């Protein structure tokens, strides 16, 4: 058995997608049909968050949550929320790299699925097509790490 562990360690870092799935998807258009009569110049707000849970040794469930809100003045045209998830087998990475894999690399893989679902549901609701711009998850993760370090730096 220790030979198997040694062989796995010699193989180096391993990464595999086990499954990509939609965990939750909701759409609300509370002001239809009246909102269709208004001039379409919406204010769009996009919020996103990611989380990761360890399922087993080397197996992680990563969730990317995106909320898109479109408003015309003080009226909500639509609200879309998706939790796009994936199960990933990740092993052999140095501990300092695991966070980047879980909170940058994996969300980057999940994003196109979430973007397509959001675009599709908005179009099916008869609103103008919406295509989310690409997101730099590496920069967001680096910013998150920097924000985590700031409170501890202030204590020293």
Protein backbone atom coordinates (compact mmCIF):
# COMPACT_ATOMS: atom_id res chain seq x y z
CA UNK A 1 0.00 0.00 0.00
CA UNK A 2 2.87 2.41 0.73
CA UNK A 3 4.19 1.63 -2.77
CA UNK A 4 0.91 2.97 -4.21
CA UNK A 5 1.26 6.18 -2.19
CA UNK A 6 4.87 6.56 -3.30
CA UNK A 7 3.87 5.99 -6.94
CA UNK A 8 1.10 8.59 -6.64
CA UNK A 9 3.54 11.10 -5.15
CA UNK A 10 5.96 10.52 -8.04
CA UNK A 11 3.21 11.23 -10.58
CA UNK A 12 3.03 14.82 -9.37
CA UNK A 13 -0.06 17.01 -9.24
CA UNK A 14 -3.27 15.39 -10.47
CA UNK A 15 -6.45 17.19 -11.53
CA UNK A 16 -9.65 15.75 -12.98
CA UNK A 17 -13.20 16.99 -13.45
CA UNK A 18 -15.56 14.41 -11.97
CA UNK A 19 -18.83 16.24 -12.62
CA UNK A 20 -20.15 19.71 -13.46
CA UNK A 21 -23.71 20.45 -12.43
CA UNK A 22 -26.23 23.19 -11.73
CA UNK A 23 -27.02 23.16 -8.03
CA UNK A 24 -29.60 25.97 -8.05
CA UNK A 25 -31.06 28.31 -10.65
CA UNK A 26 -33.71 30.94 -10.06
CA UNK A 27 -35.19 33.71 -12.15
CA UNK A 28 -37.58 36.46 -11.14
CA UNK A 29 -39.17 39.19 -13.26
CA UNK A 30 -41.42 40.86 -10.71
CA UNK A 31 -42.48 43.83 -12.84
CA UNK A 32 -43.53 42.10 -16.04
CA UNK A 33 -45.30 42.77 -18.30
CA UNK A 34 -45.23 46.52 -17.53
CA UNK A 35 -41.41 46.57 -17.57
CA UNK A 36 -41.46 45.61 -21.28
CA UNK A 37 -43.08 48.94 -22.09
CA UNK A 38 -40.21 50.96 -20.61
CA UNK A 39 -37.11 52.22 -22.38
CA UNK A 40 -34.49 49.46 -22.00
CA UNK A 41 -31.47 51.13 -20.38
CA UNK A 42 -30.94 48.91 -17.35
CA UNK A 43 -28.50 49.22 -14.52
CA UNK A 44 -26.90 45.80 -14.24
CA UNK A 45 -25.32 44.53 -11.02
CA UNK A 46 -23.35 41.28 -10.92
CA UNK A 47 -22.31 39.66 -7.64
CA UNK A 48 -20.26 36.52 -7.46
CA UNK A 49 -18.88 34.26 -4.80
CA UNK A 50 -17.15 30.90 -4.73
CA UNK A 51 -16.81 28.25 -2.06
CA UNK A 52 -15.26 24.83 -1.81
CA UNK A 53 -15.95 21.85 0.42
CA UNK A 54 -13.82 18.78 0.83
CA UNK A 55 -15.89 15.68 0.10
CA UNK A 56 -13.19 13.07 0.59
CA UNK A 57 -9.43 12.72 0.31
CA UNK A 58 -8.53 14.64 -2.84
CA UNK A 59 -12.17 15.22 -3.82
CA UNK A 60 -13.74 18.71 -3.66
CA UNK A 61 -17.12 20.25 -4.39
CA UNK A 62 -16.62 23.79 -5.74
CA UNK A 63 -19.55 26.20 -6.05
CA UNK A 64 -19.69 29.38 -8.09
CA UNK A 65 -22.63 31.60 -7.20
CA UNK A 66 -23.56 34.45 -9.54
CA UNK A 67 -26.42 36.89 -9.04
CA UNK A 68 -27.39 39.28 -11.83
CA UNK A 69 -29.85 42.07 -11.12
CA UNK A 70 -31.21 44.37 -13.84
CA UNK A 71 -33.05 47.51 -12.76
CA UNK A 72 -34.82 50.27 -14.61
CA UNK A 73 -34.81 53.13 -12.13
CA UNK A 74 -36.11 51.69 -8.89
CA UNK A 75 -37.92 48.79 -10.59
CA UNK A 76 -36.33 45.37 -10.83
CA UNK A 77 -36.57 44.09 -14.39
CA UNK A 78 -35.12 40.70 -13.50
CA UNK A 79 -33.02 38.86 -10.96
CA UNK A 80 -31.10 35.71 -11.87
CA UNK A 81 -29.21 33.58 -9.39
CA UNK A 82 -27.24 30.48 -10.25
CA UNK A 83 -25.11 28.13 -8.20
CA UNK A 84 -22.96 26.30 -10.71
CA UNK A 85 -20.93 23.53 -9.13
CA UNK A 86 -18.38 20.90 -9.90
CA UNK A 87 -16.76 17.93 -8.24
CA UNK A 88 -13.03 17.91 -8.81
CA UNK A 89 -10.34 15.35 -7.98
CA UNK A 90 -7.27 17.31 -6.91
CA UNK A 91 -4.17 15.74 -5.42
CA UNK A 92 -0.42 16.19 -5.28
CA UNK A 93 -0.50 19.99 -5.25
CA UNK A 94 1.52 21.88 -2.62
CA UNK A 95 -0.75 23.19 0.16
CA UNK A 96 -0.11 26.81 -0.87
CA UNK A 97 -1.43 26.03 -4.39
CA UNK A 98 -4.61 24.20 -3.33
CA UNK A 99 -6.48 27.44 -2.53
CA UNK A 100 -5.74 28.80 -5.98
CA UNK A 101 -6.99 25.60 -7.58
CA UNK A 102 -10.24 25.65 -5.56
CA UNK A 103 -10.99 29.38 -5.71
CA UNK A 104 -9.53 30.43 -9.05
CA UNK A 105 -8.91 27.55 -11.45
CA UNK A 106 -12.11 25.58 -10.71
CA UNK A 107 -14.44 28.64 -10.74
CA UNK A 108 -12.84 29.60 -14.06
CA UNK A 109 -13.91 26.20 -15.43
CA UNK A 110 -17.45 26.60 -14.03
CA UNK A 111 -17.98 30.15 -15.29
CA UNK A 112 -18.83 29.34 -18.96
CA UNK A 113 -21.58 26.97 -17.82
CA UNK A 114 -23.06 29.61 -15.51
CA UNK A 115 -22.75 32.33 -18.15
CA UNK A 116 -24.59 30.21 -20.73
CA UNK A 117 -27.40 29.35 -18.28
CA UNK A 118 -27.83 33.01 -17.32
CA UNK A 119 -27.88 34.16 -20.94
CA UNK A 120 -30.35 31.45 -21.90
CA UNK A 121 -32.85 32.10 -19.11
CA UNK A 122 -32.79 35.88 -19.69
CA UNK A 123 -33.44 35.38 -23.41
CA UNK A 124 -36.23 32.88 -22.72
CA UNK A 125 -37.88 35.49 -20.49
CA UNK A 126 -38.03 37.83 -23.52
CA UNK A 127 -35.38 40.28 -22.29
CA UNK A 128 -32.49 41.43 -24.49
CA UNK A 129 -29.61 38.97 -24.53
CA UNK A 130 -27.05 39.35 -21.78
CA UNK A 131 -23.56 37.93 -22.04
CA UNK A 132 -21.43 38.26 -18.92
CA UNK A 133 -17.92 39.52 -19.58
CA UNK A 134 -15.03 37.19 -18.76
CA UNK A 135 -13.90 37.28 -15.14
CA UNK A 136 -10.30 37.19 -13.98
CA UNK A 137 -10.60 34.69 -11.12
CA UNK A 138 -6.83 34.79 -10.54
CA UNK A 139 -7.02 38.51 -9.77
CA UNK A 140 -10.10 38.06 -7.56
CA UNK A 141 -8.38 35.30 -5.59
CA UNK A 142 -5.21 37.40 -5.20
CA UNK A 143 -7.36 40.30 -3.95
CA UNK A 144 -9.09 37.94 -1.49
CA UNK A 145 -5.72 36.75 -0.15
CA UNK A 146 -4.54 40.34 0.22
CA UNK A 147 -7.69 41.30 2.15
CA UNK A 148 -7.23 38.30 4.46
CA UNK A 149 -3.68 39.37 5.27
CA UNK A 150 -4.51 42.99 6.05
CA UNK A 151 -6.33 42.39 9.38
CA UNK A 152 -3.55 40.09 10.61
CA UNK A 153 -0.91 42.64 9.57
CA UNK A 154 -2.73 45.32 11.59
CA UNK A 155 -2.54 43.16 14.71
CA UNK A 156 1.27 42.91 14.62
